[in-house]
C-alpha atoms as a PDB file:
ATOM      1  CA  UNK A   1      79.467  79.848  79.601  1.00  0.00           C
ATOM      2  CA  UNK A   2      80.584  82.726  77.410  1.00  0.00           C
ATOM      3  CA  UNK A   3      84.246  83.646  77.191  1.00  0.00           C
ATOM      4  CA  UNK A   4      84.816  87.303  76.173  1.00  0.00           C
ATOM      5  CA  UNK A   5      87.098  87.944  73.193  1.00  0.00           C
ATOM      6  CA  UNK A   6      90.776  88.088  74.016  1.00  0.00           C
ATOM      7  CA  UNK A   7      92.574  91.351  73.408  1.00  0.00           C
ATOM      8  CA  UNK A   8      94.717  92.306  70.446  1.00  0.00           C
ATOM      9  CA  UNK A   9      97.140  95.220  70.032  1.00  0.00           C
ATOM     10  CA  UNK A  10      95.321  98.515  69.752  1.00  0.00           C
ATOM     11  CA  UNK A  11      92.369  97.430  71.905  1.00  0.00           C
ATOM     12  CA  UNK A  12      91.316  99.693  74.758  1.00  0.00           C
ATOM     13  CA  UNK A  13      91.321  98.892  78.469  1.00  0.00           C
ATOM     14  CA  UNK A  14      89.256 101.148  80.725  1.00  0.00           C
ATOM     15  CA  UNK A  15      90.669 101.842  84.181  1.00  0.00           C
ATOM     16  CA  UNK A  16      88.023 102.565  86.798  1.00  0.00           C
ATOM     17  CA  UNK A  17      87.620 102.481  90.589  1.00  0.00           C
ATOM     18  CA  UNK A  18      84.140 101.123  91.340  1.00  0.00           C
ATOM     19  CA  UNK A  19      84.749 100.891  95.082  1.00  0.00           C
ATOM     20  CA  UNK A  20      87.505 102.507  97.176  1.00  0.00           C
ATOM     21  CA  UNK A  21      89.479 105.661  96.363  1.00  0.00           C
ATOM     22  CA  UNK A  22      92.876 105.458  94.648  1.00  0.00           C
ATOM     23  CA  UNK A  23      95.217 108.424  94.008  1.00  0.00           C
ATOM     24  CA  UNK A  24      95.907 109.145  90.356  1.00  0.00           C
ATOM     25  CA  UNK A  25      99.689 108.855  90.848  1.00  0.00           C
ATOM     26  CA  UNK A  26      99.285 105.267  92.038  1.00  0.00           C
ATOM     27  CA  UNK A  27      98.103 104.126  88.609  1.00  0.00           C
ATOM     28  CA  UNK A  28     100.788 105.762  86.448  1.00  0.00           C
ATOM     29  CA  UNK A  29     103.007 102.665  86.163  1.00  0.00           C
ATOM     30  CA  UNK A  30      99.967 100.516  85.426  1.00  0.00           C
ATOM     31  CA  UNK A  31      98.957 102.842  82.586  1.00  0.00           C
ATOM     32  CA  UNK A  32     102.475 102.922  81.142  1.00  0.00           C
ATOM     33  CA  UNK A  33     102.744  99.134  81.318  1.00  0.00           C
ATOM     34  CA  UNK A  34      99.400  98.503  79.627  1.00  0.00           C
ATOM     35  CA  UNK A  35     100.461 100.871  76.858  1.00  0.00           C
ATOM     36  CA  UNK A  36     103.767  99.013  76.515  1.00  0.00           C
ATOM     37  CA  UNK A  37     101.758  95.832  76.116  1.00  0.00           C
ATOM     38  CA  UNK A  38     100.150  97.452  73.070  1.00  0.00           C
ATOM     39  CA  UNK A  39      96.831  98.576  74.522  1.00  0.00           C
ATOM     40  CA  UNK A  40      95.162 101.945  74.667  1.00  0.00           C
ATOM     41  CA  UNK A  41      94.044 103.039  78.126  1.00  0.00           C
ATOM     42  CA  UNK A  42      91.000 105.120  79.012  1.00  0.00           C
ATOM     43  CA  UNK A  43      91.123 106.529  82.534  1.00  0.00           C
ATOM     44  CA  UNK A  44      87.844 107.028  84.356  1.00  0.00           C
ATOM     45  CA  UNK A  45      86.940 110.029  86.477  1.00  0.00           C
ATOM     46  CA  UNK A  46      86.769 107.766  89.524  1.00  0.00           C
ATOM     47  CA  UNK A  47      90.555 107.304  89.344  1.00  0.00           C
ATOM     48  CA  UNK A  48      92.070 109.980  91.586  1.00  0.00           C
ATOM     49  CA  UNK A  49      88.934 112.094  91.487  1.00  0.00           C
ATOM     50  CA  UNK A  50      87.848 114.738  93.979  1.00  0.00           C
ATOM     51  CA  UNK A  51      86.198 112.383  96.464  1.00  0.00           C
ATOM     52  CA  UNK A  52      86.620 113.433 100.092  1.00  0.00           C
ATOM     53  CA  UNK A  53      85.652 110.128 101.703  1.00  0.00           C
ATOM     54  CA  UNK A  54      86.511 106.417 101.489  1.00  0.00           C
ATOM     55  CA  UNK A  55      84.866 105.855  98.122  1.00  0.00           C
ATOM     56  CA  UNK A  56      86.201 106.858  94.707  1.00  0.00           C
ATOM     57  CA  UNK A  57      82.985 108.749  94.047  1.00  0.00           C
ATOM     58  CA  UNK A  58      79.332 108.748  94.969  1.00  0.00           C
ATOM     59  CA  UNK A  59      77.352 105.577  94.358  1.00  0.00           C
ATOM     60  CA  UNK A  60      75.864 107.173  91.245  1.00  0.00           C
ATOM     61  CA  UNK A  61      79.242 108.324  89.924  1.00  0.00           C
ATOM     62  CA  UNK A  62      80.798 104.896  90.359  1.00  0.00           C
ATOM     63  CA  UNK A  63      77.743 103.140  88.937  1.00  0.00           C
ATOM     64  CA  UNK A  64      77.449 105.401  85.900  1.00  0.00           C
ATOM     65  CA  UNK A  65      81.115 105.079  84.987  1.00  0.00           C
ATOM     66  CA  UNK A  66      81.102 101.303  85.309  1.00  0.00           C
ATOM     67  CA  UNK A  67      77.848 101.105  83.343  1.00  0.00           C
ATOM     68  CA  UNK A  68      79.300 103.260  80.572  1.00  0.00           C
ATOM     69  CA  UNK A  69      82.357 101.031  80.248  1.00  0.00           C
ATOM     70  CA  UNK A  70      80.271  97.848  80.284  1.00  0.00           C
ATOM     71  CA  UNK A  71      78.129  99.234  77.453  1.00  0.00           C
ATOM     72  CA  UNK A  72      80.792 100.947  75.313  1.00  0.00           C
ATOM     73  CA  UNK A  73      81.717  98.753  72.288  1.00  0.00           C
ATOM     74  CA  UNK A  74      85.054 100.573  71.999  1.00  0.00           C
ATOM     75  CA  UNK A  75      86.131  99.365  75.455  1.00  0.00           C
ATOM     76  CA  UNK A  76      87.499  95.823  75.262  1.00  0.00           C
ATOM     77  CA  UNK A  77      88.334  95.173  78.938  1.00  0.00           C
ATOM     78  CA  UNK A  78      87.701  96.855  82.296  1.00  0.00           C
ATOM     79  CA  UNK A  79      90.506  96.890  84.863  1.00  0.00           C
ATOM     80  CA  UNK A  80      89.459  97.900  88.361  1.00  0.00           C
ATOM     81  CA  UNK A  81      92.066 100.144  89.944  1.00  0.00           C
ATOM     82  CA  UNK A  82      91.506  98.778  93.424  1.00  0.00           C
ATOM     83  CA  UNK A  83      88.972  97.004  95.612  1.00  0.00           C
ATOM     84  CA  UNK A  84      88.222  97.982  99.176  1.00  0.00           C
ATOM     85  CA  UNK A  85      84.457  98.260  99.591  1.00  0.00           C
ATOM     86  CA  UNK A  86      81.616  99.625  97.534  1.00  0.00           C
ATOM     87  CA  UNK A  87      80.446  97.292  94.769  1.00  0.00           C
ATOM     88  CA  UNK A  88      77.691  95.692  96.844  1.00  0.00           C
ATOM     89  CA  UNK A  89      76.146  99.184  97.150  1.00  0.00           C
ATOM     90  CA  UNK A  90      75.667  99.461  93.377  1.00  0.00           C
ATOM     91  CA  UNK A  91      75.709  95.980  91.818  1.00  0.00           C
ATOM     92  CA  UNK A  92      71.925  95.525  91.810  1.00  0.00           C
ATOM     93  CA  UNK A  93      71.538  98.733  89.781  1.00  0.00           C
ATOM     94  CA  UNK A  94      73.870  97.665  86.969  1.00  0.00           C
ATOM     95  CA  UNK A  95      72.158  96.792  83.683  1.00  0.00           C
ATOM     96  CA  UNK A  96      74.031  93.874  82.085  1.00  0.00           C
ATOM     97  CA  UNK A  97      71.920  93.523  78.904  1.00  0.00           C
ATOM     98  CA  UNK A  98      74.426  95.191  76.579  1.00  0.00           C
ATOM     99  CA  UNK A  99      77.333  93.483  78.330  1.00  0.00           C
ATOM    100  CA  UNK A 100      75.693  90.079  77.861  1.00  0.00           C
ATOM    101  CA  UNK A 101      75.296  90.749  74.126  1.00  0.00           C
ATOM    102  CA  UNK A 102      78.899  92.001  73.797  1.00  0.00           C
ATOM    103  CA  UNK A 103      80.941  90.685  76.735  1.00  0.00           C
ATOM    104  CA  UNK A 104      84.387  91.962  77.688  1.00  0.00           C
ATOM    105  CA  UNK A 105      86.902  90.976  80.352  1.00  0.00           C
ATOM    106  CA  UNK A 106      86.215  92.429  83.811  1.00  0.00           C
ATOM    107  CA  UNK A 107      89.425  92.351  85.874  1.00  0.00           C
ATOM    108  CA  UNK A 108      90.171  92.627  89.590  1.00  0.00           C
ATOM    109  CA  UNK A 109      89.974  90.880  92.952  1.00  0.00           C
ATOM    110  CA  UNK A 110      89.063  91.608  96.590  1.00  0.00           C
ATOM    111  CA  UNK A 111      85.812  93.660  96.524  1.00  0.00           C
ATOM    112  CA  UNK A 112      85.604  92.911  92.784  1.00  0.00           C
ATOM    113  CA  UNK A 113      84.605  89.397  93.929  1.00  0.00           C
ATOM    114  CA  UNK A 114      81.106  90.934  94.134  1.00  0.00           C
ATOM    115  CA  UNK A 115      81.207  91.738  90.430  1.00  0.00           C
ATOM    116  CA  UNK A 116      82.769  88.416  89.430  1.00  0.00           C
ATOM    117  CA  UNK A 117      80.183  86.464  91.400  1.00  0.00           C
ATOM    118  CA  UNK A 118      77.237  88.531  90.188  1.00  0.00           C
ATOM    119  CA  UNK A 119      78.280  88.190  86.551  1.00  0.00           C
ATOM    120  CA  UNK A 120      78.784  84.444  86.892  1.00  0.00           C
ATOM    121  CA  UNK A 121      75.544  83.880  88.813  1.00  0.00           C
ATOM    122  CA  UNK A 122      73.420  85.910  86.403  1.00  0.00           C
ATOM    123  CA  UNK A 123      75.192  85.997  83.038  1.00  0.00           C
ATOM    124  CA  UNK A 124      77.528  82.953  82.974  1.00  0.00           C
ATOM    125  CA  UNK A 125      80.270  85.110  81.438  1.00  0.00           C
ATOM    126  CA  UNK A 126      83.927  84.490  82.290  1.00  0.00           C
ATOM    127  CA  UNK A 127      85.839  87.192  84.184  1.00  0.00           C
ATOM    128  CA  UNK A 128      89.410  87.643  85.411  1.00  0.00           C
ATOM    129  CA  UNK A 129      90.366  87.442  89.087  1.00  0.00           C
ATOM    130  CA  UNK A 130      93.727  89.134  88.694  1.00  0.00           C
ATOM    131  CA  UNK A 131      96.132  91.873  89.870  1.00  0.00           C
ATOM    132  CA  UNK A 132      94.855  95.440  89.849  1.00  0.00           C
ATOM    133  CA  UNK A 133      96.636  98.759  89.289  1.00  0.00           C
ATOM    134  CA  UNK A 134      98.577  98.836  92.552  1.00  0.00           C
ATOM    135  CA  UNK A 135     100.274  95.528  91.756  1.00  0.00           C
ATOM    136  CA  UNK A 136     102.213  97.201  88.922  1.00  0.00           C
ATOM    137  CA  UNK A 137     104.114  99.463  91.354  1.00  0.00           C
ATOM    138  CA  UNK A 138     107.485  98.808  93.022  1.00  0.00           C
ATOM    139  CA  UNK A 139     108.731  96.512  90.267  1.00  0.00           C
ATOM    140  CA  UNK A 140     105.537  94.470  90.227  1.00  0.00           C
ATOM    141  CA  UNK A 141     104.923  95.100  86.531  1.00  0.00           C
ATOM    142  CA  UNK A 142     107.712  92.650  85.691  1.00  0.00           C
ATOM    143  CA  UNK A 143     106.608  89.984  88.172  1.00  0.00           C
ATOM    144  CA  UNK A 144     105.214  86.636  87.084  1.00  0.00           C
ATOM    145  CA  UNK A 145     101.907  87.618  88.673  1.00  0.00           C
ATOM    146  CA  UNK A 146     101.284  90.805  86.697  1.00  0.00           C
ATOM    147  CA  UNK A 147     102.672  89.100  83.607  1.00  0.00           C
ATOM    148  CA  UNK A 148     100.075  86.360  84.100  1.00  0.00           C
ATOM    149  CA  UNK A 149      97.435  89.046  83.524  1.00  0.00           C
ATOM    150  CA  UNK A 150      99.161  89.979  80.272  1.00  0.00           C
ATOM    151  CA  UNK A 151      99.155  86.352  79.150  1.00  0.00           C
ATOM    152  CA  UNK A 152      95.503  85.887  80.144  1.00  0.00           C
ATOM    153  CA  UNK A 153      94.342  88.949  78.205  1.00  0.00           C
ATOM    154  CA  UNK A 154      96.185  87.695  75.123  1.00  0.00           C
ATOM    155  CA  UNK A 155      94.407  84.336  75.327  1.00  0.00           C
ATOM    156  CA  UNK A 156      97.206  82.124  76.611  1.00  0.00           C
ATOM    157  CA  UNK A 157      96.014  79.131  78.624  1.00  0.00           C
ATOM    158  CA  UNK A 158      97.106  79.196  82.257  1.00  0.00           C
ATOM    159  CA  UNK A 159      99.203  76.446  83.830  1.00  0.00           C
ATOM    160  CA  UNK A 160     100.373  76.957  87.417  1.00  0.00           C
ATOM    161  CA  UNK A 161     102.421  74.685  89.670  1.00  0.00           C
ATOM    162  CA  UNK A 162     103.337  74.987  93.347  1.00  0.00           C
ATOM    163  CA  UNK A 163     105.147  72.782  95.863  1.00  0.00           C
ATOM    164  CA  UNK A 164     103.497  70.383  98.264  1.00  0.00           C
ATOM    165  CA  UNK A 165     101.815  71.328 101.530  1.00  0.00           C
ATOM    166  CA  UNK A 166     101.346  68.948 104.465  1.00  0.00           C
ATOM    167  CA  UNK A 167      97.559  69.331 104.287  1.00  0.00           C
ATOM    168  CA  UNK A 168      97.249  68.434 100.610  1.00  0.00           C
ATOM    169  CA  UNK A 169      94.512  65.958  99.733  1.00  0.00           C
ATOM    170  CA  UNK A 170      95.573  64.080  96.638  1.00  0.00           C
ATOM    171  CA  UNK A 171      93.393  63.680  93.598  1.00  0.00           C
ATOM    172  CA  UNK A 172      92.591  65.004  90.156  1.00  0.00           C
ATOM    173  CA  UNK A 173      89.470  66.811  89.029  1.00  0.00           C
ATOM    174  CA  UNK A 174      88.172  69.015  86.234  1.00  0.00           C
ATOM    175  CA  UNK A 175      85.563  71.716  86.642  1.00  0.00           C
ATOM    176  CA  UNK A 176      84.795  75.364  86.118  1.00  0.00           C
ATOM    177  CA  UNK A 177      86.864  77.631  88.352  1.00  0.00           C
ATOM    178  CA  UNK A 178      84.970  79.983  90.665  1.00  0.00           C
ATOM    179  CA  UNK A 179      85.631  81.759  93.953  1.00  0.00           C
ATOM    180  CA  UNK A 180      87.501  84.740  95.319  1.00  0.00           C
ATOM    181  CA  UNK A 181      87.599  86.606  98.600  1.00  0.00           C
ATOM    182  CA  UNK A 182      86.144  84.620 101.508  1.00  0.00           C
ATOM    183  CA  UNK A 183      84.643  87.650 103.260  1.00  0.00           C
ATOM    184  CA  UNK A 184      82.800  88.745 100.128  1.00  0.00           C
ATOM    185  CA  UNK A 185      81.578  85.266  99.249  1.00  0.00           C
ATOM    186  CA  UNK A 186      80.102  84.916 102.736  1.00  0.00           C
ATOM    187  CA  UNK A 187      78.623  88.419 102.399  1.00  0.00           C
ATOM    188  CA  UNK A 188      76.893  87.453  99.124  1.00  0.00           C
ATOM    189  CA  UNK A 189      75.064  84.389 100.451  1.00  0.00           C
ATOM    190  CA  UNK A 190      71.329  84.843 100.012  1.00  0.00           C
ATOM    191  CA  UNK A 191      71.672  87.647  97.460  1.00  0.00           C
ATOM    192  CA  UNK A 192      71.275  87.732  93.688  1.00  0.00           C
ATOM    193  CA  UNK A 193      75.094  87.550  93.468  1.00  0.00           C
ATOM    194  CA  UNK A 194      75.358  84.235  95.322  1.00  0.00           C
ATOM    195  CA  UNK A 195      77.141  81.487  93.379  1.00  0.00           C
ATOM    196  CA  UNK A 196      76.434  77.770  93.132  1.00  0.00           C
ATOM    197  CA  UNK A 197      79.499  75.618  93.662  1.00  0.00           C
ATOM    198  CA  UNK A 198      78.388  72.059  92.834  1.00  0.00           C
ATOM    199  CA  UNK A 199      80.868  70.427  90.457  1.00  0.00           C
ATOM    200  CA  UNK A 200      83.172  73.451  90.508  1.00  0.00           C
ATOM    201  CA  UNK A 201      86.786  74.027  91.493  1.00  0.00           C
ATOM    202  CA  UNK A 202      86.379  76.553  94.292  1.00  0.00           C
ATOM    203  CA  UNK A 203      89.171  78.914  95.387  1.00  0.00           C
ATOM    204  CA  UNK A 204      89.400  81.141  98.467  1.00  0.00           C
ATOM    205  CA  UNK A 205      91.701  83.873  99.799  1.00  0.00           C
ATOM    206  CA  UNK A 206      91.465  86.704 102.324  1.00  0.00           C
ATOM    207  CA  UNK A 207      93.364  89.419 104.169  1.00  0.00           C
ATOM    208  CA  UNK A 208      93.377  91.152 107.542  1.00  0.00           C
ATOM    209  CA  UNK A 209      90.810  88.966 109.293  1.00  0.00           C
ATOM    210  CA  UNK A 210      90.751  87.623 112.823  1.00  0.00           C
ATOM    211  CA  UNK A 211      91.239  83.870 112.931  1.00  0.00           C
ATOM    212  CA  UNK A 212      87.893  83.346 114.659  1.00  0.00           C
ATOM    213  CA  UNK A 213      86.174  85.280 111.886  1.00  0.00           C
ATOM    214  CA  UNK A 214      87.805  83.122 109.199  1.00  0.00           C
ATOM    215  CA  UNK A 215      86.431  80.104 111.070  1.00  0.00           C
ATOM    216  CA  UNK A 216      82.982  81.701 111.285  1.00  0.00           C
ATOM    217  CA  UNK A 217      82.852  82.577 107.582  1.00  0.00           C
ATOM    218  CA  UNK A 218      84.008  79.109 106.562  1.00  0.00           C
ATOM    219  CA  UNK A 219      81.227  77.590 108.649  1.00  0.00           C
ATOM    220  CA  UNK A 220      78.768  80.018 107.036  1.00  0.00           C
ATOM    221  CA  UNK A 221      79.829  78.692 103.618  1.00  0.00           C
ATOM    222  CA  UNK A 222      79.661  75.126 104.862  1.00  0.00           C
ATOM    223  CA  UNK A 223      76.157  75.522 106.327  1.00  0.00           C
ATOM    224  CA  UNK A 224      75.062  76.980 102.990  1.00  0.00           C
ATOM    225  CA  UNK A 225      76.377  73.906 101.148  1.00  0.00           C
ATOM    226  CA  UNK A 226      79.244  75.671  99.393  1.00  0.00           C
ATOM    227  CA  UNK A 227      81.682  72.831 100.172  1.00  0.00           C
ATOM    228  CA  UNK A 228      79.305  70.017  99.211  1.00  0.00           C
ATOM    229  CA  UNK A 229      79.967  68.164  95.943  1.00  0.00           C
ATOM    230  CA  UNK A 230      82.889  70.299  94.788  1.00  0.00           C
ATOM    231  CA  UNK A 231      85.205  69.033  92.079  1.00  0.00           C
ATOM    232  CA  UNK A 232      88.129  70.446  94.052  1.00  0.00           C
ATOM    233  CA  UNK A 233      89.140  73.136  96.528  1.00  0.00           C
ATOM    234  CA  UNK A 234      92.022  75.622  96.251  1.00  0.00           C
ATOM    235  CA  UNK A 235      93.179  77.536  99.306  1.00  0.00           C
ATOM    236  CA  UNK A 236      95.107  80.676  98.449  1.00  0.00           C
ATOM    237  CA  UNK A 237      96.859  83.161 100.683  1.00  0.00           C
ATOM    238  CA  UNK A 238      95.363  84.320 103.972  1.00  0.00           C
ATOM    239  CA  UNK A 239      97.576  87.292 104.754  1.00  0.00           C
ATOM    240  CA  UNK A 240      97.936  89.782 107.623  1.00  0.00           C
ATOM    241  CA  UNK A 241      95.746  87.705 109.925  1.00  0.00           C
ATOM    242  CA  UNK A 242      95.030  88.737 113.502  1.00  0.00           C
ATOM    243  CA  UNK A 243      94.349  86.824 116.693  1.00  0.00           C
ATOM    244  CA  UNK A 244      92.463  87.686 119.850  1.00  0.00           C
ATOM    245  CA  UNK A 245      94.087  88.262 123.264  1.00  0.00           C
ATOM    246  CA  UNK A 246      93.089  84.750 124.183  1.00  0.00           C
ATOM    247  CA  UNK A 247      94.440  82.799 121.182  1.00  0.00           C
ATOM    248  CA  UNK A 248      92.064  80.987 118.866  1.00  0.00           C
ATOM    249  CA  UNK A 249      94.349  77.977 119.143  1.00  0.00           C
ATOM    250  CA  UNK A 250      94.843  76.987 115.512  1.00  0.00           C
ATOM    251  CA  UNK A 251      96.566  78.292 112.406  1.00  0.00           C
ATOM    252  CA  UNK A 252      94.438  79.360 109.465  1.00  0.00           C
ATOM    253  CA  UNK A 253      95.511  76.239 107.568  1.00  0.00           C
ATOM    254  CA  UNK A 254      94.402  74.057 110.499  1.00  0.00           C
ATOM    255  CA  UNK A 255      91.089  75.909 110.676  1.00  0.00           C
ATOM    256  CA  UNK A 256      90.411  75.306 106.987  1.00  0.00           C
ATOM    257  CA  UNK A 257      91.577  71.687 107.123  1.00  0.00           C
ATOM    258  CA  UNK A 258      89.193  70.931 109.990  1.00  0.00           C
ATOM    259  CA  UNK A 259      86.198  72.580 108.309  1.00  0.00           C
ATOM    260  CA  UNK A 260      86.587  70.520 105.105  1.00  0.00           C
ATOM    261  CA  UNK A 261      87.930  67.339 106.693  1.00  0.00           C
ATOM    262  CA  UNK A 262      84.846  65.256 105.856  1.00  0.00           C
ATOM    263  CA  UNK A 263      85.058  65.776 102.088  1.00  0.00           C
ATOM    264  CA  UNK A 264      87.018  63.544  99.710  1.00  0.00           C
ATOM    265  CA  UNK A 265      87.775  65.799  96.727  1.00  0.00           C
ATOM    266  CA  UNK A 266      91.312  67.075  96.003  1.00  0.00           C
ATOM    267  CA  UNK A 267      92.377  70.067  98.101  1.00  0.00           C
ATOM    268  CA  UNK A 268      95.512  72.168  97.766  1.00  0.00           C
ATOM    269  CA  UNK A 269      96.873  74.785 100.146  1.00  0.00           C
ATOM    270  CA  UNK A 270      99.244  77.633  99.439  1.00  0.00           C
ATOM    271  CA  UNK A 271      98.093  78.487  95.926  1.00  0.00           C
ATOM    272  CA  UNK A 272      99.568  81.869  94.884  1.00  0.00           C
ATOM    273  CA  UNK A 273      96.367  83.886  94.770  1.00  0.00           C
ATOM    274  CA  UNK A 274      96.144  86.481  97.514  1.00  0.00           C
ATOM    275  CA  UNK A 275      96.155  90.116  98.598  1.00  0.00           C
ATOM    276  CA  UNK A 276      99.938  89.932  98.655  1.00  0.00           C
ATOM    277  CA  UNK A 277     102.392  90.058  95.787  1.00  0.00           C
ATOM    278  CA  UNK A 278     101.646  86.438  94.871  1.00  0.00           C
ATOM    279  CA  UNK A 279      98.449  86.712  92.874  1.00  0.00           C
ATOM    280  CA  UNK A 280      98.176  84.831  89.602  1.00  0.00           C
ATOM    281  CA  UNK A 281      95.429  85.687  87.110  1.00  0.00           C
ATOM    282  CA  UNK A 282      92.574  83.169  87.193  1.00  0.00           C
ATOM    283  CA  UNK A 283      89.769  82.949  84.638  1.00  0.00           C
ATOM    284  CA  UNK A 284      86.559  82.587  86.594  1.00  0.00           C
ATOM    285  CA  UNK A 285      84.009  80.365  84.869  1.00  0.00           C
ATOM    286  CA  UNK A 286      86.563  78.641  82.637  1.00  0.00           C
ATOM    287  CA  UNK A 287      87.227  74.892  82.945  1.00  0.00           C
ATOM    288  CA  UNK A 288      90.459  73.900  84.676  1.00  0.00           C
ATOM    289  CA  UNK A 289      92.028  70.654  85.826  1.00  0.00           C
ATOM    290  CA  UNK A 290      93.370  70.489  89.371  1.00  0.00           C
ATOM    291  CA  UNK A 291      95.936  67.736  89.950  1.00  0.00           C
ATOM    292  CA  UNK A 292      97.156  67.353  93.543  1.00  0.00           C
ATOM    293  CA  UNK A 293      99.930  64.838  94.256  1.00  0.00           C
ATOM    294  CA  UNK A 294     102.129  64.230  97.276  1.00  0.00           C
ATOM    295  CA  UNK A 295     104.860  66.438  95.819  1.00  0.00           C
ATOM    296  CA  UNK A 296     103.067  69.344  94.133  1.00  0.00           C
ATOM    297  CA  UNK A 297      99.876  70.499  92.514  1.00  0.00           C
ATOM    298  CA  UNK A 298      99.093  71.896  89.103  1.00  0.00           C
ATOM    299  CA  UNK A 299      96.162  73.962  87.910  1.00  0.00           C
ATOM    300  CA  UNK A 300      95.765  73.859  84.155  1.00  0.00           C
ATOM    301  CA  UNK A 301      93.239  75.676  82.011  1.00  0.00           C
ATOM    302  CA  UNK A 302      91.366  73.265  79.781  1.00  0.00           C
END
């Protein structure tokens, strides 16, 4: 595993939208905050461009901008402005040779799970599952969650603690941390971006799904062996969920508990990684220790 260099004052962060469209005004606080942290910011043409549809640009425009930032030695990190959908349309056309020789932090979540997973599966380079530009708005720049991105970029080791949950499974394990958005991880099965989970600490989160679809995607992961032989499992936030007219009959926590009931590794629920405000920065590919007790759990970067 290769860990990209941490940032120092004066380094440059590129802001790009490799998937969905984001208005330019929605990134202004993010830009100001990154500059206050001591970084230079380069803003891509995909940020608030002249796109007239869902995407921030054509496939070629989004691909070429991301490729340029991956290759440019004067760019030290790439922050995705937002997720949405679009990276799976271009990921197989990205050339990672220069990036592998000179890695840099790739930052984001949601649809950026495609990029995180592809980089881990093919390059074994650490990336950052972390807040994107929108999280800086409405006072978010001062939150613990956005500040966790600041600490991660500066090279500080993460250590997170949360209270107990009734479905905790106690235990302690160390392994490389991988995971992300459940919908995207299910979508990537069978592709060149698919990840192997054996011996890993695996984390999951999602937003806006029907309960039956969460159940279906979890069973897709299970049938593919994603829950076999894990070091540990972290369940993050599942926000804005929907139910059918005839209720599914279980909460999302009960659905997840039942799917992984047969395994004996430590499992925590309620970890603050999500599509909501609670979204701590996590270094994908880096070793962590997960310690789940009856009272709380901790996740500590090794």
